[in-house]
Amino acid sequence: MIVSDKIRILGFAGSLRKDSFNRALLRNAVSFIPDNSSLEIFELDGIPPFNQDAEKDMPEKVRDFKSKIRGADAILISTPEYNYSVPGVLKNAISYRYTRYSLNPATYG
């Protein structure tokens, strides 16, 4: 197994809008990532509503999301604030990965 010295950052936006300012921030963040790091942007659209009963037969998009979080050294979240809270799509995605999420360094804004 080859171990990379690069810091793997997984980024995702809390907005599903195609022209989202938060998606644009993530795309532009790539140019600010140090040479010893990489930033992969994951799109949250297509993740179904969280249902803990579905753990055994998890949709492919959710399995992919969980796998990418497991493989990340850090998480970068760019999100709007809706009704004084995080958007439902972001809360939903985090709910699928809550058992491991707290072990990854994360920042949002």
PDB file of N, CA and C in Angstrom:
ATOM      1  N   MET A   1       0.838  -1.187   0.000  1.00  0.00           N
ATOM      2  CA  MET A   1       0.000   0.000   0.000  1.00  0.00           C
ATOM      3  C   MET A   1       0.880   1.247   0.000  1.00  0.00           C
ATOM      4  N   ILE A   2       0.563   2.169  -0.873  1.00  0.00           N
ATOM      5  CA  ILE A   2       1.311   3.418  -0.974  1.00  0.00           C
ATOM      6  C   ILE A   2       0.640   4.464  -0.094  1.00  0.00           C
ATOM      7  N   VAL A   3       1.428   5.089   0.755  1.00  0.00           N
ATOM      8  CA  VAL A   3       0.908   6.138   1.629  1.00  0.00           C
ATOM      9  C   VAL A   3       1.329   7.483   1.051  1.00  0.00           C
ATOM     10  N   SER A   4       0.377   8.368   0.873  1.00  0.00           N
ATOM     11  CA  SER A   4       0.649   9.689   0.321  1.00  0.00           C
ATOM     12  C   SER A   4       0.973  10.660   1.450  1.00  0.00           C
ATOM     13  N   ASP A   5       1.943  11.531   1.187  1.00  0.00           N
ATOM     14  CA  ASP A   5       2.262  12.578   2.150  1.00  0.00           C
ATOM     15  C   ASP A   5       1.353  13.787   1.978  1.00  0.00           C
ATOM     16  N   LYS A   6       0.548  13.788   0.916  1.00  0.00           N
ATOM     17  CA  LYS A   6      -0.364  14.903   0.675  1.00  0.00           C
ATOM     18  C   LYS A   6      -1.503  14.901   1.682  1.00  0.00           C
ATOM     19  N   ILE A   7      -1.864  16.071   2.122  1.00  0.00           N
ATOM     20  CA  ILE A   7      -3.030  16.231   2.988  1.00  0.00           C
ATOM     21  C   ILE A   7      -4.258  16.239   2.087  1.00  0.00           C
ATOM     22  N   ARG A   8      -5.145  15.291   2.308  1.00  0.00           N
ATOM     23  CA  ARG A   8      -6.347  15.158   1.476  1.00  0.00           C
ATOM     24  C   ARG A   8      -7.503  15.904   2.136  1.00  0.00           C
ATOM     25  N   ILE A   9      -8.000  16.913   1.437  1.00  0.00           N
ATOM     26  CA  ILE A   9      -9.112  17.722   1.932  1.00  0.00           C
ATOM     27  C   ILE A   9     -10.338  17.416   1.083  1.00  0.00           C
ATOM     28  N   LEU A  10     -11.438  17.129   1.746  1.00  0.00           N
ATOM     29  CA  LEU A  10     -12.705  16.918   1.057  1.00  0.00           C
ATOM     30  C   LEU A  10     -13.568  18.151   1.285  1.00  0.00           C
ATOM     31  N   GLY A  11     -14.031  18.752   0.219  1.00  0.00           N
ATOM     32  CA  GLY A  11     -14.874  19.938   0.332  1.00  0.00           C
ATOM     33  C   GLY A  11     -16.263  19.682  -0.215  1.00  0.00           C
ATOM     34  N   PHE A  12     -17.255  20.293   0.411  1.00  0.00           N
ATOM     35  CA  PHE A  12     -18.605  20.236  -0.133  1.00  0.00           C
ATOM     36  C   PHE A  12     -19.369  21.481   0.287  1.00  0.00           C
ATOM     37  N   ALA A  13     -20.330  21.844  -0.573  1.00  0.00           N
ATOM     38  CA  ALA A  13     -21.135  23.043  -0.341  1.00  0.00           C
ATOM     39  C   ALA A  13     -22.474  22.657   0.255  1.00  0.00           C
ATOM     40  N   GLY A  14     -22.988  23.500   1.113  1.00  0.00           N
ATOM     41  CA  GLY A  14     -24.287  23.259   1.726  1.00  0.00           C
ATOM     42  C   GLY A  14     -25.434  23.781   0.883  1.00  0.00           C
ATOM     43  N   SER A  15     -25.165  24.088  -0.365  1.00  0.00           N
ATOM     44  CA  SER A  15     -26.197  24.587  -1.271  1.00  0.00           C
ATOM     45  C   SER A  15     -26.240  23.712  -2.515  1.00  0.00           C
ATOM     46  N   LEU A  16     -27.428  23.465  -3.015  1.00  0.00           N
ATOM     47  CA  LEU A  16     -27.586  22.675  -4.235  1.00  0.00           C
ATOM     48  C   LEU A  16     -27.727  23.550  -5.482  1.00  0.00           C
ATOM     49  N   ARG A  17     -27.820  24.858  -5.302  1.00  0.00           N
ATOM     50  CA  ARG A  17     -27.990  25.737  -6.464  1.00  0.00           C
ATOM     51  C   ARG A  17     -26.785  25.653  -7.398  1.00  0.00           C
ATOM     52  N   LYS A  18     -27.053  25.565  -8.692  1.00  0.00           N
ATOM     53  CA  LYS A  18     -25.998  25.449  -9.694  1.00  0.00           C
ATOM     54  C   LYS A  18     -25.023  26.623  -9.610  1.00  0.00           C
ATOM     55  N   ASP A  19     -25.540  27.834  -9.458  1.00  0.00           N
ATOM     56  CA  ASP A  19     -24.699  29.029  -9.406  1.00  0.00           C
ATOM     57  C   ASP A  19     -24.456  29.501  -7.974  1.00  0.00           C
ATOM     58  N   SER A  20     -24.420  28.580  -7.055  1.00  0.00           N
ATOM     59  CA  SER A  20     -24.232  28.885  -5.642  1.00  0.00           C
ATOM     60  C   SER A  20     -22.900  29.595  -5.393  1.00  0.00           C
ATOM     61  N   PHE A  21     -22.946  30.654  -4.599  1.00  0.00           N
ATOM     62  CA  PHE A  21     -21.742  31.366  -4.182  1.00  0.00           C
ATOM     63  C   PHE A  21     -20.822  30.420  -3.406  1.00  0.00           C
ATOM     64  N   ASN A  22     -21.399  29.532  -2.620  1.00  0.00           N
ATOM     65  CA  ASN A  22     -20.603  28.607  -1.810  1.00  0.00           C
ATOM     66  C   ASN A  22     -19.875  27.579  -2.667  1.00  0.00           C
ATOM     67  N   ARG A  23     -20.507  27.121  -3.726  1.00  0.00           N
ATOM     68  CA  ARG A  23     -19.820  26.226  -4.672  1.00  0.00           C
ATOM     69  C   ARG A  23     -18.671  26.972  -5.350  1.00  0.00           C
ATOM     70  N   ALA A  24     -18.913  28.227  -5.709  1.00  0.00           N
ATOM     71  CA  ALA A  24     -17.863  29.039  -6.336  1.00  0.00           C
ATOM     72  C   ALA A  24     -16.681  29.227  -5.387  1.00  0.00           C
ATOM     73  N   LEU A  25     -16.960  29.449  -4.109  1.00  0.00           N
ATOM     74  CA  LEU A  25     -15.880  29.579  -3.122  1.00  0.00           C
ATOM     75  C   LEU A  25     -15.022  28.319  -3.079  1.00  0.00           C
ATOM     76  N   LEU A  26     -15.663  27.158  -3.095  1.00  0.00           N
ATOM     77  CA  LEU A  26     -14.906  25.903  -3.084  1.00  0.00           C
ATOM     78  C   LEU A  26     -14.053  25.753  -4.335  1.00  0.00           C
ATOM     79  N   ARG A  27     -14.636  26.047  -5.490  1.00  0.00           N
ATOM     80  CA  ARG A  27     -13.867  25.938  -6.743  1.00  0.00           C
ATOM     81  C   ARG A  27     -12.654  26.863  -6.706  1.00  0.00           C
ATOM     82  N   ASN A  28     -12.821  28.054  -6.168  1.00  0.00           N
ATOM     83  CA  ASN A  28     -11.703  28.995  -6.086  1.00  0.00           C
ATOM     84  C   ASN A  28     -10.705  28.621  -4.997  1.00  0.00           C
ATOM     85  N   ALA A  29     -11.148  27.921  -3.977  1.00  0.00           N
ATOM     86  CA  ALA A  29     -10.247  27.505  -2.893  1.00  0.00           C
ATOM     87  C   ALA A  29      -9.150  26.588  -3.408  1.00  0.00           C
ATOM     88  N   VAL A  30      -9.416  25.880  -4.487  1.00  0.00           N
ATOM     89  CA  VAL A  30      -8.423  24.965  -5.056  1.00  0.00           C
ATOM     90  C   VAL A  30      -7.116  25.702  -5.343  1.00  0.00           C
ATOM     91  N   SER A  31      -7.196  26.939  -5.800  1.00  0.00           N
ATOM     92  CA  SER A  31      -5.977  27.686  -6.143  1.00  0.00           C
ATOM     93  C   SER A  31      -5.197  28.142  -4.905  1.00  0.00           C
ATOM     94  N   PHE A  32      -5.792  28.043  -3.726  1.00  0.00           N
ATOM     95  CA  PHE A  32      -5.115  28.449  -2.496  1.00  0.00           C
ATOM     96  C   PHE A  32      -4.585  27.269  -1.679  1.00  0.00           C
ATOM     97  N   ILE A  33      -4.829  26.070  -2.160  1.00  0.00           N
ATOM     98  CA  ILE A  33      -4.387  24.871  -1.442  1.00  0.00           C
ATOM     99  C   ILE A  33      -2.873  24.735  -1.592  1.00  0.00           C
ATOM    100  N   PRO A  34      -2.141  24.526  -0.497  1.00  0.00           N
ATOM    101  CA  PRO A  34      -0.687  24.355  -0.585  1.00  0.00           C
ATOM    102  C   PRO A  34      -0.311  23.138  -1.440  1.00  0.00           C
ATOM    103  N   ASP A  35       0.911  23.136  -1.926  1.00  0.00           N
ATOM    104  CA  ASP A  35       1.388  22.051  -2.786  1.00  0.00           C
ATOM    105  C   ASP A  35       1.323  20.687  -2.113  1.00  0.00           C
ATOM    106  N   ASN A  36       1.413  20.651  -0.796  1.00  0.00           N
ATOM    107  CA  ASN A  36       1.393  19.361  -0.092  1.00  0.00           C
ATOM    108  C   ASN A  36      -0.025  18.899   0.233  1.00  0.00           C
ATOM    109  N   SER A  37      -1.020  19.527  -0.413  1.00  0.00           N
ATOM    110  CA  SER A  37      -2.424  19.204  -0.146  1.00  0.00           C
ATOM    111  C   SER A  37      -3.193  19.057  -1.456  1.00  0.00           C
ATOM    112  N   SER A  38      -4.326  18.391  -1.357  1.00  0.00           N
ATOM    113  CA  SER A  38      -5.241  18.302  -2.498  1.00  0.00           C
ATOM    114  C   SER A  38      -6.655  18.537  -1.978  1.00  0.00           C
ATOM    115  N   LEU A  39      -7.484  19.139  -2.817  1.00  0.00           N
ATOM    116  CA  LEU A  39      -8.876  19.411  -2.455  1.00  0.00           C
ATOM    117  C   LEU A  39      -9.776  18.745  -3.476  1.00  0.00           C
ATOM    118  N   GLU A  40     -10.609  17.832  -3.009  1.00  0.00           N
ATOM    119  CA  GLU A  40     -11.611  17.191  -3.851  1.00  0.00           C
ATOM    120  C   GLU A  40     -12.971  17.740  -3.444  1.00  0.00           C
ATOM    121  N   ILE A  41     -13.749  18.173  -4.430  1.00  0.00           N
ATOM    122  CA  ILE A  41     -15.078  18.719  -4.157  1.00  0.00           C
ATOM    123  C   ILE A  41     -16.118  17.640  -4.423  1.00  0.00           C
ATOM    124  N   PHE A  42     -16.959  17.402  -3.424  1.00  0.00           N
ATOM    125  CA  PHE A  42     -18.016  16.395  -3.529  1.00  0.00           C
ATOM    126  C   PHE A  42     -19.359  17.107  -3.610  1.00  0.00           C
ATOM    127  N   GLU A  43     -20.188  16.703  -4.556  1.00  0.00           N
ATOM    128  CA  GLU A  43     -21.521  17.289  -4.718  1.00  0.00           C
ATOM    129  C   GLU A  43     -22.531  16.508  -3.876  1.00  0.00           C
ATOM    130  N   LEU A  44     -23.272  17.190  -3.035  1.00  0.00           N
ATOM    131  CA  LEU A  44     -24.228  16.535  -2.136  1.00  0.00           C
ATOM    132  C   LEU A  44     -25.558  16.194  -2.802  1.00  0.00           C
ATOM    133  N   ASP A  45     -25.822  16.740  -3.993  1.00  0.00           N
ATOM    134  CA  ASP A  45     -27.095  16.429  -4.635  1.00  0.00           C
ATOM    135  C   ASP A  45     -27.183  14.927  -4.915  1.00  0.00           C
ATOM    136  N   GLY A  46     -28.365  14.392  -4.712  1.00  0.00           N
ATOM    137  CA  GLY A  46     -28.572  12.959  -4.922  1.00  0.00           C
ATOM    138  C   GLY A  46     -28.508  12.132  -3.654  1.00  0.00           C
ATOM    139  N   ILE A  47     -28.097  12.737  -2.541  1.00  0.00           N
ATOM    140  CA  ILE A  47     -28.105  12.004  -1.273  1.00  0.00           C
ATOM    141  C   ILE A  47     -29.544  12.015  -0.751  1.00  0.00           C
ATOM    142  N   PRO A  48     -30.124  10.839  -0.534  1.00  0.00           N
ATOM    143  CA  PRO A  48     -31.520  10.784  -0.087  1.00  0.00           C
ATOM    144  C   PRO A  48     -31.661  11.229   1.370  1.00  0.00           C
ATOM    145  N   PRO A  49     -32.882  11.509   1.813  1.00  0.00           N
ATOM    146  CA  PRO A  49     -33.091  11.865   3.222  1.00  0.00           C
ATOM    147  C   PRO A  49     -32.528  10.789   4.151  1.00  0.00           C
ATOM    148  N   PHE A  50     -31.933  11.235   5.254  1.00  0.00           N
ATOM    149  CA  PHE A  50     -31.313  10.306   6.193  1.00  0.00           C
ATOM    150  C   PHE A  50     -32.345   9.365   6.794  1.00  0.00           C
ATOM    151  N   ASN A  51     -31.999   8.087   6.792  1.00  0.00           N
ATOM    152  CA  ASN A  51     -32.837   7.057   7.401  1.00  0.00           C
ATOM    153  C   ASN A  51     -31.902   6.002   7.974  1.00  0.00           C
ATOM    154  N   GLN A  52     -31.793   5.947   9.275  1.00  0.00           N
ATOM    155  CA  GLN A  52     -30.874   5.015   9.909  1.00  0.00           C
ATOM    156  C   GLN A  52     -31.225   3.563   9.597  1.00  0.00           C
ATOM    157  N   ASP A  53     -32.484   3.283   9.291  1.00  0.00           N
ATOM    158  CA  ASP A  53     -32.884   1.924   8.927  1.00  0.00           C
ATOM    159  C   ASP A  53     -32.283   1.490   7.595  1.00  0.00           C
ATOM    160  N   ALA A  54     -31.839   2.436   6.787  1.00  0.00           N
ATOM    161  CA  ALA A  54     -31.288   2.121   5.465  1.00  0.00           C
ATOM    162  C   ALA A  54     -29.795   1.804   5.512  1.00  0.00           C
ATOM    163  N   GLU A  55     -29.214   1.703   6.707  1.00  0.00           N
ATOM    164  CA  GLU A  55     -27.779   1.444   6.837  1.00  0.00           C
ATOM    165  C   GLU A  55     -27.345   0.173   6.110  1.00  0.00           C
ATOM    166  N   LYS A  56     -28.186  -0.841   6.093  1.00  0.00           N
ATOM    167  CA  LYS A  56     -27.814  -2.114   5.464  1.00  0.00           C
ATOM    168  C   LYS A  56     -27.842  -2.033   3.948  1.00  0.00           C
ATOM    169  N   ASP A  57     -28.733  -1.254   3.392  1.00  0.00           N
ATOM    170  CA  ASP A  57     -28.897  -1.153   1.947  1.00  0.00           C
ATOM    171  C   ASP A  57     -28.710   0.302   1.520  1.00  0.00           C
ATOM    172  N   MET A  58     -27.524   0.828   1.810  1.00  0.00           N
ATOM    173  CA  MET A  58     -27.246   2.235   1.596  1.00  0.00           C
ATOM    174  C   MET A  58     -27.095   2.564   0.107  1.00  0.00           C
ATOM    175  N   PRO A  59     -27.686   3.675  -0.350  1.00  0.00           N
ATOM    176  CA  PRO A  59     -27.522   4.086  -1.743  1.00  0.00           C
ATOM    177  C   PRO A  59     -26.045   4.331  -2.091  1.00  0.00           C
ATOM    178  N   GLU A  60     -25.699   4.121  -3.346  1.00  0.00           N
ATOM    179  CA  GLU A  60     -24.314   4.275  -3.813  1.00  0.00           C
ATOM    180  C   GLU A  60     -23.755   5.662  -3.503  1.00  0.00           C
ATOM    181  N   LYS A  61     -24.548   6.699  -3.679  1.00  0.00           N
ATOM    182  CA  LYS A  61     -24.083   8.071  -3.430  1.00  0.00           C
ATOM    183  C   LYS A  61     -23.674   8.242  -1.963  1.00  0.00           C
ATOM    184  N   VAL A  62     -24.421   7.640  -1.055  1.00  0.00           N
ATOM    185  CA  VAL A  62     -24.103   7.730   0.376  1.00  0.00           C
ATOM    186  C   VAL A  62     -22.845   6.923   0.683  1.00  0.00           C
ATOM    187  N   ARG A  63     -22.728   5.732   0.109  1.00  0.00           N
ATOM    188  CA  ARG A  63     -21.512   4.924   0.317  1.00  0.00           C
ATOM    189  C   ARG A  63     -20.281   5.682  -0.176  1.00  0.00           C
ATOM    190  N   ASP A  64     -20.410   6.331  -1.326  1.00  0.00           N
ATOM    191  CA  ASP A  64     -19.309   7.110  -1.887  1.00  0.00           C
ATOM    192  C   ASP A  64     -18.950   8.272  -0.962  1.00  0.00           C
ATOM    193  N   PHE A  65     -19.948   8.984  -0.461  1.00  0.00           N
ATOM    194  CA  PHE A  65     -19.728  10.106   0.452  1.00  0.00           C
ATOM    195  C   PHE A  65     -19.010   9.650   1.721  1.00  0.00           C
ATOM    196  N   LYS A  66     -19.489   8.570   2.319  1.00  0.00           N
ATOM    197  CA  LYS A  66     -18.881   8.062   3.551  1.00  0.00           C
ATOM    198  C   LYS A  66     -17.445   7.615   3.309  1.00  0.00           C
ATOM    199  N   SER A  67     -17.203   6.989   2.173  1.00  0.00           N
ATOM    200  CA  SER A  67     -15.859   6.535   1.830  1.00  0.00           C
ATOM    201  C   SER A  67     -14.907   7.716   1.658  1.00  0.00           C
ATOM    202  N   LYS A  68     -15.375   8.758   1.001  1.00  0.00           N
ATOM    203  CA  LYS A  68     -14.527   9.933   0.785  1.00  0.00           C
ATOM    204  C   LYS A  68     -14.228  10.651   2.102  1.00  0.00           C
ATOM    205  N   ILE A  69     -15.180  10.700   3.006  1.00  0.00           N
ATOM    206  CA  ILE A  69     -14.913  11.311   4.312  1.00  0.00           C
ATOM    207  C   ILE A  69     -13.898  10.470   5.087  1.00  0.00           C
ATOM    208  N   ARG A  70     -14.061   9.156   5.038  1.00  0.00           N
ATOM    209  CA  ARG A  70     -13.105   8.269   5.713  1.00  0.00           C
ATOM    210  C   ARG A  70     -11.689   8.479   5.191  1.00  0.00           C
ATOM    211  N   GLY A  71     -11.554   8.733   3.896  1.00  0.00           N
ATOM    212  CA  GLY A  71     -10.242   8.905   3.288  1.00  0.00           C
ATOM    213  C   GLY A  71      -9.666  10.303   3.405  1.00  0.00           C
ATOM    214  N   ALA A  72     -10.445  11.244   3.916  1.00  0.00           N
ATOM    215  CA  ALA A  72      -9.988  12.636   4.007  1.00  0.00           C
ATOM    216  C   ALA A  72      -9.235  12.885   5.306  1.00  0.00           C
ATOM    217  N   ASP A  73      -8.246  13.758   5.209  1.00  0.00           N
ATOM    218  CA  ASP A  73      -7.529  14.212   6.403  1.00  0.00           C
ATOM    219  C   ASP A  73      -8.219  15.424   7.023  1.00  0.00           C
ATOM    220  N   ALA A  74      -8.959  16.155   6.199  1.00  0.00           N
ATOM    221  CA  ALA A  74      -9.668  17.351   6.664  1.00  0.00           C
ATOM    222  C   ALA A  74     -10.902  17.561   5.794  1.00  0.00           C
ATOM    223  N   ILE A  75     -11.840  18.323   6.311  1.00  0.00           N
ATOM    224  CA  ILE A  75     -13.081  18.618   5.604  1.00  0.00           C
ATOM    225  C   ILE A  75     -13.247  20.134   5.535  1.00  0.00           C
ATOM    226  N   LEU A  76     -13.609  20.630   4.350  1.00  0.00           N
ATOM    227  CA  LEU A  76     -13.867  22.053   4.142  1.00  0.00           C
ATOM    228  C   LEU A  76     -15.313  22.192   3.680  1.00  0.00           C
ATOM    229  N   ILE A  77     -16.120  22.878   4.477  1.00  0.00           N
ATOM    230  CA  ILE A  77     -17.533  23.056   4.159  1.00  0.00           C
ATOM    231  C   ILE A  77     -17.787  24.534   3.897  1.00  0.00           C
ATOM    232  N   SER A  78     -18.413  24.818   2.769  1.00  0.00           N
ATOM    233  CA  SER A  78     -18.825  26.181   2.441  1.00  0.00           C
ATOM    234  C   SER A  78     -20.347  26.167   2.360  1.00  0.00           C
ATOM    235  N   THR A  79     -20.987  26.922   3.238  1.00  0.00           N
ATOM    236  CA  THR A  79     -22.444  26.796   3.317  1.00  0.00           C
ATOM    237  C   THR A  79     -23.139  28.124   3.580  1.00  0.00           C
ATOM    238  N   PRO A  80     -24.326  28.287   3.024  1.00  0.00           N
ATOM    239  CA  PRO A  80     -25.143  29.438   3.398  1.00  0.00           C
ATOM    240  C   PRO A  80     -25.837  29.158   4.727  1.00  0.00           C
ATOM    241  N   GLU A  81     -26.496  30.164   5.240  1.00  0.00           N
ATOM    242  CA  GLU A  81     -27.325  29.994   6.436  1.00  0.00           C
ATOM    243  C   GLU A  81     -28.766  30.180   5.997  1.00  0.00           C
ATOM    244  N   TYR A  82     -29.585  29.194   6.267  1.00  0.00           N
ATOM    245  CA  TYR A  82     -31.006  29.276   5.929  1.00  0.00           C
ATOM    246  C   TYR A  82     -31.817  29.266   7.220  1.00  0.00           C
ATOM    247  N   ASN A  83     -32.634  30.275   7.434  1.00  0.00           N
ATOM    248  CA  ASN A  83     -33.508  30.332   8.612  1.00  0.00           C
ATOM    249  C   ASN A  83     -32.736  30.123   9.915  1.00  0.00           C
ATOM    250  N   TYR A  84     -31.593  30.786  10.021  1.00  0.00           N
ATOM    251  CA  TYR A  84     -30.746  30.739  11.223  1.00  0.00           C
ATOM    252  C   TYR A  84     -30.166  29.350  11.494  1.00  0.00           C
ATOM    253  N   SER A  85     -29.993  28.558  10.463  1.00  0.00           N
ATOM    254  CA  SER A  85     -29.474  27.198  10.636  1.00  0.00           C
ATOM    255  C   SER A  85     -28.755  26.762   9.363  1.00  0.00           C
ATOM    256  N   VAL A  86     -28.202  25.559   9.409  1.00  0.00           N
ATOM    257  CA  VAL A  86     -27.563  25.000   8.218  1.00  0.00           C
ATOM    258  C   VAL A  86     -28.639  24.475   7.277  1.00  0.00           C
ATOM    259  N   PRO A  87     -28.372  24.459   5.978  1.00  0.00           N
ATOM    260  CA  PRO A  87     -29.349  23.929   5.030  1.00  0.00           C
ATOM    261  C   PRO A  87     -29.626  22.449   5.284  1.00  0.00           C
ATOM    262  N   GLY A  88     -30.827  22.034   4.952  1.00  0.00           N
ATOM    263  CA  GLY A  88     -31.224  20.642   5.159  1.00  0.00           C
ATOM    264  C   GLY A  88     -30.322  19.653   4.458  1.00  0.00           C
ATOM    265  N   VAL A  89     -29.860  19.985   3.246  1.00  0.00           N
ATOM    266  CA  VAL A  89     -29.006  19.053   2.503  1.00  0.00           C
ATOM    267  C   VAL A  89     -27.700  18.797   3.255  1.00  0.00           C
ATOM    268  N   LEU A  90     -27.158  19.817   3.904  1.00  0.00           N
ATOM    269  CA  LEU A  90     -25.919  19.651   4.664  1.00  0.00           C
ATOM    270  C   LEU A  90     -26.170  18.842   5.935  1.00  0.00           C
ATOM    271  N   LYS A  91     -27.215  19.179   6.660  1.00  0.00           N
ATOM    272  CA  LYS A  91     -27.567  18.426   7.874  1.00  0.00           C
ATOM    273  C   LYS A  91     -27.804  16.959   7.538  1.00  0.00           C
ATOM    274  N   ASN A  92     -28.497  16.725   6.446  1.00  0.00           N
ATOM    275  CA  ASN A  92     -28.790  15.373   5.998  1.00  0.00           C
ATOM    276  C   ASN A  92     -27.502  14.592   5.723  1.00  0.00           C
ATOM    277  N   ALA A  93     -26.575  15.197   4.987  1.00  0.00           N
ATOM    278  CA  ALA A  93     -25.315  14.528   4.653  1.00  0.00           C
ATOM    279  C   ALA A  93     -24.498  14.236   5.907  1.00  0.00           C
ATOM    280  N   ILE A  94     -24.427  15.202   6.808  1.00  0.00           N
ATOM    281  CA  ILE A  94     -23.669  15.006   8.047  1.00  0.00           C
ATOM    282  C   ILE A  94     -24.298  13.893   8.884  1.00  0.00           C
ATOM    283  N   SER A  95     -25.611  13.799   8.877  1.00  0.00           N
ATOM    284  CA  SER A  95     -26.285  12.744   9.639  1.00  0.00           C
ATOM    285  C   SER A  95     -25.867  11.359   9.167  1.00  0.00           C
ATOM    286  N   TYR A  96     -25.619  11.212   7.880  1.00  0.00           N
ATOM    287  CA  TYR A  96     -25.167   9.920   7.363  1.00  0.00           C
ATOM    288  C   TYR A  96     -23.773   9.570   7.854  1.00  0.00           C
ATOM    289  N   ARG A  97     -22.989  10.569   8.211  1.00  0.00           N
ATOM    290  CA  ARG A  97     -21.607  10.291   8.581  1.00  0.00           C
ATOM    291  C   ARG A  97     -21.273  10.706  10.008  1.00  0.00           C
ATOM    292  N   TYR A  98     -22.267  10.894  10.855  1.00  0.00           N
ATOM    293  CA  TYR A  98     -22.033  11.460  12.184  1.00  0.00           C
ATOM    294  C   TYR A  98     -21.093  10.660  13.067  1.00  0.00           C
ATOM    295  N   THR A  99     -20.992   9.359  12.932  1.00  0.00           N
ATOM    296  CA  THR A  99     -20.163   8.571  13.840  1.00  0.00           C
ATOM    297  C   THR A  99     -18.678   8.830  13.638  1.00  0.00           C
ATOM    298  N   ARG A 100     -18.278   9.239  12.463  1.00  0.00           N
ATOM    299  CA  ARG A 100     -16.865   9.467  12.172  1.00  0.00           C
ATOM    300  C   ARG A 100     -16.558  10.951  12.001  1.00  0.00           C
ATOM    301  N   TYR A 101     -17.559  11.751  11.725  1.00  0.00           N
ATOM    302  CA  TYR A 101     -17.359  13.153  11.367  1.00  0.00           C
ATOM    303  C   TYR A 101     -16.530  13.915  12.395  1.00  0.00           C
ATOM    304  N   SER A 102     -16.768  13.687  13.655  1.00  0.00           N
ATOM    305  CA  SER A 102     -16.090  14.461  14.691  1.00  0.00           C
ATOM    306  C   SER A 102     -14.603  14.157  14.783  1.00  0.00           C
ATOM    307  N   LEU A 103     -14.138  13.108  14.113  1.00  0.00           N
ATOM    308  CA  LEU A 103     -12.724  12.762  14.161  1.00  0.00           C
ATOM    309  C   LEU A 103     -11.916  13.471  13.082  1.00  0.00           C
ATOM    310  N   ASN A 104     -12.568  14.132  12.138  1.00  0.00           N
ATOM    311  CA  ASN A 104     -11.879  14.851  11.075  1.00  0.00           C
ATOM    312  C   ASN A 104     -11.798  16.329  11.419  1.00  0.00           C
ATOM    313  N   PRO A 105     -10.612  16.955  11.206  1.00  0.00           N
ATOM    314  CA  PRO A 105     -10.564  18.406  11.335  1.00  0.00           C
ATOM    315  C   PRO A 105     -11.518  19.008  10.309  1.00  0.00           C
ATOM    316  N   ALA A 106     -12.263  20.012  10.676  1.00  0.00           N
ATOM    317  CA  ALA A 106     -13.230  20.608   9.748  1.00  0.00           C
ATOM    318  C   ALA A 106     -13.296  22.105   9.964  1.00  0.00           C
ATOM    319  N   THR A 107     -13.634  22.807   8.897  1.00  0.00           N
ATOM    320  CA  THR A 107     -13.894  24.232   8.989  1.00  0.00           C
ATOM    321  C   THR A 107     -15.074  24.544   8.087  1.00  0.00           C
ATOM    322  N   TYR A 108     -15.815  25.547   8.420  1.00  0.00           N
ATOM    323  CA  TYR A 108     -16.940  25.943   7.581  1.00  0.00           C
ATOM    324  C   TYR A 108     -17.098  27.446   7.630  1.00  0.00           C
ATOM    325  N   GLY A 109     -17.792  27.969   6.650  1.00  0.00           N
ATOM    326  CA  GLY A 109     -18.012  29.399   6.635  1.00  0.00           C
ATOM    327  C   GLY A 109     -18.722  29.831   5.394  1.00  0.00           C
TER     328      GLY A 109
END
